[in-house]
N, C-alpha and C. Protein backbone atom coordinates (compact mmCIF):
# COMPACT_ATOMS: atom_id res chain seq x y z
N MET A 1 11.49 -109.14 17.86
CA MET A 1 10.95 -107.88 18.71
C MET A 1 9.72 -107.12 18.03
N THR A 2 8.66 -106.92 18.56
CA THR A 2 7.68 -106.43 18.41
C THR A 2 7.88 -104.53 18.30
N ALA A 3 7.51 -103.88 17.80
CA ALA A 3 7.56 -102.15 18.07
C ALA A 3 7.04 -102.31 19.63
N GLN A 4 7.65 -100.74 19.98
CA GLN A 4 7.21 -100.92 21.29
C GLN A 4 6.81 -99.19 21.72
N ARG A 5 5.61 -99.13 22.22
CA ARG A 5 5.90 -97.56 22.96
C ARG A 5 6.60 -96.96 23.80
N GLY A 6 6.66 -95.61 23.45
CA GLY A 6 7.52 -94.76 24.14
C GLY A 6 6.94 -95.19 25.59
N LYS A 7 5.51 -94.79 25.58
CA LYS A 7 5.37 -94.40 27.09
C LYS A 7 5.73 -95.40 27.57
N ASP A 8 5.82 -96.76 27.40
CA ASP A 8 6.24 -97.64 28.31
C ASP A 8 7.69 -97.77 28.97
N ILE A 9 8.43 -96.55 28.46
CA ILE A 9 9.83 -96.04 28.92
C ILE A 9 9.34 -95.62 30.36
N LEU A 10 9.88 -96.32 31.35
CA LEU A 10 9.67 -95.04 32.69
C LEU A 10 11.13 -95.19 33.54
N LEU A 11 11.45 -93.65 34.12
CA LEU A 11 11.85 -92.84 34.97
C LEU A 11 11.49 -92.74 36.24
N LYS A 12 12.18 -93.44 36.96
CA LYS A 12 11.60 -93.16 38.30
C LYS A 12 12.63 -92.93 38.97
N ILE A 13 12.77 -92.00 40.41
CA ILE A 13 13.52 -91.48 41.14
C ILE A 13 13.58 -91.91 42.81
N GLU A 14 14.95 -92.72 43.60
CA GLU A 14 14.34 -92.85 44.46
C GLU A 14 14.06 -91.93 45.62
N GLY A 15 12.88 -92.29 46.97
CA GLY A 15 12.30 -91.45 47.55
C GLY A 15 12.66 -91.84 49.10
N ALA A 16 11.83 -91.72 49.83
CA ALA A 16 11.73 -91.83 51.39
C ALA A 16 12.19 -93.24 51.16
N ALA A 17 12.88 -93.62 52.68
CA ALA A 17 12.53 -95.29 52.74
C ALA A 17 12.97 -96.31 51.51
N GLY A 18 13.29 -95.71 50.51
CA GLY A 18 14.16 -96.76 49.11
C GLY A 18 12.97 -96.60 48.33
N ALA A 19 11.95 -96.33 48.56
CA ALA A 19 10.80 -96.36 47.28
C ALA A 19 10.94 -95.41 46.09
N PHE A 20 10.88 -96.16 44.77
CA PHE A 20 11.33 -95.23 43.93
C PHE A 20 9.86 -94.92 43.37
N ILE A 21 10.01 -93.82 42.51
CA ILE A 21 8.45 -92.57 42.48
C ILE A 21 8.53 -92.29 40.99
N THR A 22 8.10 -93.06 40.03
CA THR A 22 7.78 -92.42 38.97
C THR A 22 7.77 -91.22 38.50
N VAL A 23 8.77 -90.57 37.14
CA VAL A 23 8.75 -89.06 37.51
C VAL A 23 7.48 -88.85 36.37
N ALA A 24 6.61 -88.13 36.78
CA ALA A 24 5.53 -87.84 36.42
C ALA A 24 5.52 -87.08 35.21
N GLY A 25 4.45 -87.14 34.11
CA GLY A 25 4.10 -86.42 33.18
C GLY A 25 5.14 -85.94 32.19
N LEU A 26 6.08 -87.89 31.95
CA LEU A 26 7.01 -87.02 30.95
C LEU A 26 6.44 -87.61 29.29
N ARG A 27 6.65 -86.61 28.32
CA ARG A 27 6.21 -87.37 27.08
C ARG A 27 7.35 -87.59 26.30
N ALA A 28 8.75 -86.94 26.49
CA ALA A 28 9.25 -87.73 25.69
C ALA A 28 10.81 -88.04 26.58
N ARG A 29 11.52 -89.37 26.25
CA ARG A 29 12.78 -89.63 26.74
C ARG A 29 13.66 -90.32 26.24
N THR A 30 15.07 -90.09 26.70
CA THR A 30 16.04 -90.26 25.86
C THR A 30 17.32 -91.35 26.85
N ILE A 31 17.58 -92.06 26.41
CA ILE A 31 18.68 -92.83 27.00
C ILE A 31 19.90 -93.21 26.36
N SER A 32 21.16 -92.82 26.70
CA SER A 32 22.45 -92.85 26.03
C SER A 32 23.21 -93.38 26.70
N LEU A 33 24.03 -94.84 26.38
CA LEU A 33 24.81 -95.05 26.73
C LEU A 33 26.30 -95.09 26.36
N ASN A 34 27.35 -94.76 26.50
CA ASN A 34 28.35 -94.50 25.73
C ASN A 34 29.76 -95.15 26.92
N ALA A 35 30.65 -95.30 25.83
CA ALA A 35 31.89 -95.92 25.97
C ALA A 35 32.73 -95.01 25.38
N LYS A 36 33.50 -94.44 25.65
CA LYS A 36 34.95 -93.71 25.22
C LYS A 36 36.16 -95.01 24.90
N THR A 37 36.62 -94.84 23.58
CA THR A 37 37.04 -95.87 23.60
C THR A 37 38.93 -95.32 23.95
N VAL A 38 40.07 -96.44 24.02
CA VAL A 38 41.22 -96.24 24.25
C VAL A 38 42.14 -96.21 22.73
N ASP A 39 42.70 -95.88 22.23
CA ASP A 39 43.59 -95.94 20.71
C ASP A 39 45.01 -96.77 21.47
N ALA A 40 45.01 -97.49 21.24
CA ALA A 40 46.70 -98.36 21.49
C ALA A 40 47.37 -98.39 20.39
N THR A 41 46.97 -97.66 18.98
CA THR A 41 47.34 -97.88 17.66
C THR A 41 49.21 -97.75 18.10
N ASP A 42 50.00 -98.64 17.66
CA ASP A 42 51.55 -98.09 17.58
C ASP A 42 52.26 -98.64 16.18
N SER A 43 53.21 -97.92 15.74
CA SER A 43 53.98 -98.16 14.20
C SER A 43 53.76 -99.89 14.28
N ASP A 44 53.81 -100.68 15.58
CA ASP A 44 53.78 -102.28 14.65
C ASP A 44 52.03 -102.94 14.89
N SER A 45 51.37 -101.89 14.38
CA SER A 45 49.50 -102.77 14.44
C SER A 45 49.58 -103.17 13.25
N ALA A 46 49.26 -103.94 12.60
CA ALA A 46 48.75 -104.42 11.46
C ALA A 46 47.97 -103.91 10.94
N GLY A 47 48.86 -103.36 9.35
CA GLY A 47 48.44 -102.71 8.19
C GLY A 47 48.27 -101.56 8.76
N ARG A 48 48.82 -100.26 9.80
CA ARG A 48 48.22 -99.41 10.41
C ARG A 48 46.83 -98.73 10.54
N TRP A 49 46.47 -100.38 11.15
CA TRP A 49 44.77 -99.60 11.49
C TRP A 49 44.73 -99.59 12.76
N ARG A 50 43.38 -99.09 13.33
CA ARG A 50 43.65 -98.46 14.80
C ARG A 50 43.49 -99.66 15.49
N GLU A 51 44.30 -99.74 16.85
CA GLU A 51 43.97 -101.35 17.74
C GLU A 51 43.71 -100.02 18.82
N LEU A 52 41.88 -100.51 19.49
CA LEU A 52 41.88 -100.36 20.74
C LEU A 52 41.51 -101.16 22.02
N LEU A 53 42.41 -100.00 23.07
CA LEU A 53 42.65 -101.22 24.62
C LEU A 53 40.65 -101.79 25.21
N ALA A 54 40.64 -102.96 24.72
CA ALA A 54 39.34 -103.21 25.32
C ALA A 54 39.22 -102.97 26.50
N GLY A 55 38.31 -102.71 27.22
CA GLY A 55 37.98 -102.30 28.55
C GLY A 55 38.17 -101.65 29.37
N ALA A 56 39.18 -100.44 28.32
CA ALA A 56 40.05 -98.99 29.14
C ALA A 56 39.21 -98.17 29.38
N GLY A 57 38.27 -98.01 28.57
CA GLY A 57 37.62 -96.68 28.07
C GLY A 57 36.78 -96.04 29.34
N VAL A 58 36.23 -95.01 29.77
CA VAL A 58 35.01 -94.80 30.66
C VAL A 58 33.59 -94.99 30.15
N LYS A 59 33.10 -95.43 31.15
CA LYS A 59 32.02 -95.55 30.41
C LYS A 59 30.71 -94.71 31.21
N SER A 60 29.42 -94.21 30.50
CA SER A 60 29.12 -93.18 30.96
C SER A 60 27.58 -93.21 30.46
N ALA A 61 26.29 -92.89 31.58
CA ALA A 61 25.17 -93.03 30.88
C ALA A 61 24.62 -91.44 31.02
N ALA A 62 23.57 -91.27 29.91
CA ALA A 62 23.27 -89.56 29.78
C ALA A 62 21.10 -89.95 29.80
N VAL A 63 20.43 -89.14 30.53
CA VAL A 63 19.11 -89.72 30.32
C VAL A 63 18.43 -88.04 29.78
N SER A 64 18.01 -87.85 29.36
CA SER A 64 16.76 -86.63 28.84
C SER A 64 15.43 -86.94 29.05
N GLY A 65 14.74 -85.73 29.23
CA GLY A 65 13.01 -86.14 29.37
C GLY A 65 12.53 -84.52 29.59
N GLN A 66 11.25 -84.20 29.05
CA GLN A 66 10.67 -83.64 29.38
C GLN A 66 9.75 -83.54 28.97
N GLY A 67 8.49 -83.14 29.83
CA GLY A 67 6.83 -83.19 30.07
C GLY A 67 6.10 -82.18 30.57
N ILE A 68 5.61 -82.58 31.32
CA ILE A 68 4.69 -81.85 32.32
C ILE A 68 4.67 -82.69 33.60
N PHE A 69 4.71 -81.83 34.92
CA PHE A 69 5.18 -82.30 36.40
C PHE A 69 3.24 -81.97 36.44
N ARG A 70 3.43 -83.10 37.05
CA ARG A 70 1.76 -83.68 37.71
C ARG A 70 1.57 -84.52 39.38
N ASP A 71 2.87 -84.55 39.64
CA ASP A 71 3.26 -85.13 40.62
C ASP A 71 3.87 -84.07 41.63
N ALA A 72 3.55 -83.81 42.86
CA ALA A 72 4.34 -82.73 43.77
C ALA A 72 5.89 -83.42 44.12
N ALA A 73 5.35 -84.95 44.32
CA ALA A 73 6.57 -85.50 45.37
C ALA A 73 7.77 -85.59 44.70
N SER A 74 7.63 -85.84 42.63
CA SER A 74 8.15 -86.44 42.26
C SER A 74 9.14 -84.97 41.91
N ASP A 75 8.28 -83.91 41.53
CA ASP A 75 8.91 -82.94 41.30
C ASP A 75 9.76 -81.92 42.53
N ALA A 76 9.04 -82.75 43.75
CA ALA A 76 10.14 -81.99 44.74
C ALA A 76 11.37 -82.36 45.20
N LEU A 77 11.23 -84.33 44.49
CA LEU A 77 12.61 -84.53 44.73
C LEU A 77 13.62 -84.09 43.88
N ILE A 78 13.19 -84.33 42.18
CA ILE A 78 13.76 -83.65 41.08
C ILE A 78 14.47 -82.38 41.33
N ARG A 79 13.87 -81.10 42.10
CA ARG A 79 13.92 -79.47 42.62
C ARG A 79 14.92 -79.84 43.61
N GLU A 80 15.38 -80.60 44.12
CA GLU A 80 15.87 -81.04 45.59
C GLU A 80 17.47 -81.62 44.96
N ALA A 81 17.47 -82.69 44.61
CA ALA A 81 18.39 -82.97 43.85
C ALA A 81 19.61 -81.91 42.92
N PHE A 82 18.37 -81.46 42.45
CA PHE A 82 19.30 -80.09 41.68
C PHE A 82 19.80 -79.37 42.18
N PHE A 83 19.12 -78.78 43.00
CA PHE A 83 20.08 -77.69 44.23
C PHE A 83 20.98 -78.23 45.14
N GLU A 84 21.03 -79.57 45.61
CA GLU A 84 21.66 -79.88 46.11
C GLU A 84 22.99 -80.60 45.84
N GLN A 85 22.72 -80.87 44.26
CA GLN A 85 23.80 -81.16 43.29
C GLN A 85 24.20 -82.61 44.17
N ALA A 86 23.44 -83.30 44.37
CA ALA A 86 23.71 -84.67 45.30
C ALA A 86 23.26 -85.61 43.87
N ALA A 87 24.07 -86.72 44.13
CA ALA A 87 23.28 -88.05 42.95
C ALA A 87 22.67 -88.62 43.65
N LYS A 88 21.94 -88.66 43.33
CA LYS A 88 20.55 -89.78 43.66
C LYS A 88 20.59 -91.14 43.12
N THR A 89 19.77 -92.28 43.38
CA THR A 89 19.42 -93.41 42.46
C THR A 89 18.72 -93.34 41.54
N TRP A 90 18.56 -93.55 40.27
CA TRP A 90 17.72 -93.67 39.31
C TRP A 90 17.48 -94.74 39.19
N ARG A 91 16.14 -95.34 38.72
CA ARG A 91 15.67 -96.20 38.36
C ARG A 91 15.46 -96.29 36.71
N LEU A 92 15.61 -96.37 35.33
CA LEU A 92 14.98 -96.76 34.11
C LEU A 92 15.07 -97.81 33.09
N ILE A 93 13.39 -98.15 33.19
CA ILE A 93 12.73 -99.30 32.80
C ILE A 93 12.80 -98.81 31.16
N VAL A 94 13.31 -100.02 30.67
CA VAL A 94 12.80 -99.97 29.01
C VAL A 94 12.46 -101.22 28.50
N PRO A 95 11.23 -101.65 28.58
CA PRO A 95 10.57 -102.80 28.20
C PRO A 95 11.41 -103.46 26.76
N ASP A 96 11.18 -104.59 27.27
CA ASP A 96 11.90 -105.78 26.62
C ASP A 96 13.32 -105.35 26.37
N PHE A 97 13.89 -104.67 26.97
CA PHE A 97 15.30 -104.36 27.18
C PHE A 97 15.90 -104.91 29.30
N GLY A 98 15.45 -103.81 29.54
CA GLY A 98 15.98 -103.86 30.85
C GLY A 98 16.02 -103.05 31.61
N VAL A 99 16.68 -102.60 33.29
CA VAL A 99 16.49 -102.00 34.01
C VAL A 99 17.97 -101.51 34.14
N LEU A 100 18.12 -100.33 34.21
CA LEU A 100 19.42 -99.66 34.70
C LEU A 100 19.18 -98.89 35.77
N GLU A 101 20.08 -99.09 37.09
CA GLU A 101 19.44 -98.55 37.84
C GLU A 101 21.33 -98.14 38.84
N GLY A 102 21.08 -96.71 38.82
CA GLY A 102 22.27 -96.27 40.00
C GLY A 102 22.27 -94.99 39.81
N PRO A 103 23.60 -94.36 40.12
CA PRO A 103 23.72 -92.81 40.82
C PRO A 103 23.87 -91.67 39.59
N PHE A 104 22.97 -90.74 39.87
CA PHE A 104 22.75 -89.91 38.66
C PHE A 104 22.79 -88.78 39.35
N LEU A 105 23.58 -87.73 39.01
CA LEU A 105 23.23 -85.54 39.28
C LEU A 105 22.05 -85.26 37.96
N VAL A 106 21.66 -84.39 38.12
CA VAL A 106 20.40 -83.77 37.67
C VAL A 106 21.23 -82.62 36.82
N ALA A 107 21.59 -82.86 35.89
CA ALA A 107 22.30 -81.84 34.95
C ALA A 107 22.02 -80.97 34.33
N ALA A 108 20.66 -80.29 34.39
CA ALA A 108 19.83 -79.33 33.93
C ALA A 108 18.46 -79.69 34.05
N LEU A 109 17.85 -78.72 34.34
CA LEU A 109 16.35 -78.89 34.68
C LEU A 109 15.80 -77.25 34.05
N GLU A 110 14.58 -77.28 33.43
CA GLU A 110 14.36 -76.59 32.59
C GLU A 110 13.25 -76.22 33.05
N TYR A 111 12.37 -75.28 33.13
CA TYR A 111 11.05 -74.92 32.64
C TYR A 111 10.80 -73.99 32.20
N ALA A 112 9.42 -74.25 31.63
CA ALA A 112 8.76 -72.87 30.34
C ALA A 112 7.46 -73.57 30.54
N GLY A 113 6.41 -72.50 29.80
CA GLY A 113 4.95 -72.68 29.69
C GLY A 113 4.81 -71.02 29.25
N GLU A 114 3.44 -71.53 28.39
CA GLU A 114 3.24 -70.71 27.15
C GLU A 114 2.00 -69.77 27.90
N HIS A 115 1.48 -68.23 27.53
CA HIS A 115 0.48 -67.67 28.59
C HIS A 115 -1.04 -69.28 28.26
N GLU A 116 -1.24 -69.69 27.50
CA GLU A 116 -2.56 -70.37 27.24
C GLU A 116 -2.13 -71.66 27.47
N GLY A 117 -1.16 -72.37 28.03
CA GLY A 117 -0.78 -73.58 28.02
C GLY A 117 -0.49 -74.45 29.20
N GLU A 118 0.01 -75.54 29.33
CA GLU A 118 -0.03 -75.91 30.51
C GLU A 118 1.63 -75.63 30.83
N ALA A 119 2.57 -75.46 31.98
CA ALA A 119 3.86 -75.03 32.18
C ALA A 119 4.33 -76.84 32.28
N SER A 120 5.43 -76.68 31.77
CA SER A 120 6.33 -78.08 31.57
C SER A 120 7.72 -77.90 31.91
N PHE A 121 8.45 -79.22 31.66
CA PHE A 121 9.89 -79.08 32.40
C PHE A 121 10.56 -79.93 31.20
N ALA A 122 12.07 -79.66 31.74
CA ALA A 122 13.16 -80.63 30.70
C ALA A 122 14.25 -81.08 31.85
N LEU A 123 14.79 -82.27 31.56
CA LEU A 123 15.67 -82.46 32.33
C LEU A 123 16.87 -83.49 31.82
N SER A 124 18.07 -82.64 32.18
CA SER A 124 19.46 -83.87 31.62
C SER A 124 19.64 -85.03 32.85
N LEU A 125 20.09 -85.93 32.77
CA LEU A 125 20.82 -86.69 34.13
C LEU A 125 22.12 -86.82 33.52
N ALA A 126 23.06 -87.17 34.42
CA ALA A 126 24.40 -87.21 34.19
C ALA A 126 24.37 -88.31 35.26
N SER A 127 25.08 -89.96 34.55
CA SER A 127 25.70 -90.80 35.85
C SER A 127 26.60 -90.31 36.39
N ALA A 128 26.82 -90.83 37.68
CA ALA A 128 27.45 -90.24 38.54
C ALA A 128 28.35 -91.34 39.25
N GLY A 129 28.28 -92.38 38.92
CA GLY A 129 28.97 -94.00 39.60
C GLY A 129 28.38 -95.13 38.32
N GLU A 130 28.51 -96.24 38.79
CA GLU A 130 28.01 -97.27 38.43
C GLU A 130 27.05 -97.38 38.29
N ILE A 131 26.54 -97.99 37.16
CA ILE A 131 25.22 -98.25 36.47
C ILE A 131 24.68 -99.61 36.55
N ARG A 132 24.07 -100.20 37.20
CA ARG A 132 24.11 -101.77 36.96
C ARG A 132 22.54 -101.75 36.22
N PHE A 133 22.94 -102.88 35.55
CA PHE A 133 22.22 -103.50 34.36
C PHE A 133 21.51 -105.00 34.66
N GLU A 134 20.05 -105.01 34.41
CA GLU A 134 19.23 -106.42 34.50
C GLU A 134 18.63 -105.87 33.44
N ALA A 135 18.70 -107.24 32.82
CA ALA A 135 17.72 -107.56 31.29
C ALA A 135 16.33 -108.02 31.84
N LEU A 136 15.46 -108.07 31.00
CA LEU A 136 14.16 -108.49 31.14
C LEU A 136 13.74 -109.68 30.43
């Protein structure tokens, strides 16, 4: 696999009629996939090494991004999702890896701006249900 451009990672939110809208102006994105482990070690564990119970942990995904708003439609969808604290369907496209799609809550939404610069935002998403994966 060759090096990839970070700008090719897309973050989309589901809008009206099921159409996905790319979150505009993102300059940085991070996607974290996590799986908690369940320790099943007991006094009979071989050599007293830790044993983990396969498939028993809780899986989660977290997404963060920062950039500038350039699109009123995606700005409004994100703002509504935050204030309603409603899980919206998001689609994350990572070239040469796959597509992740499922419900996320907007866990944090920050706005900032310098006197002689553009207004910027940062957002954090937390998975709120099953996340489907499709390899590309």
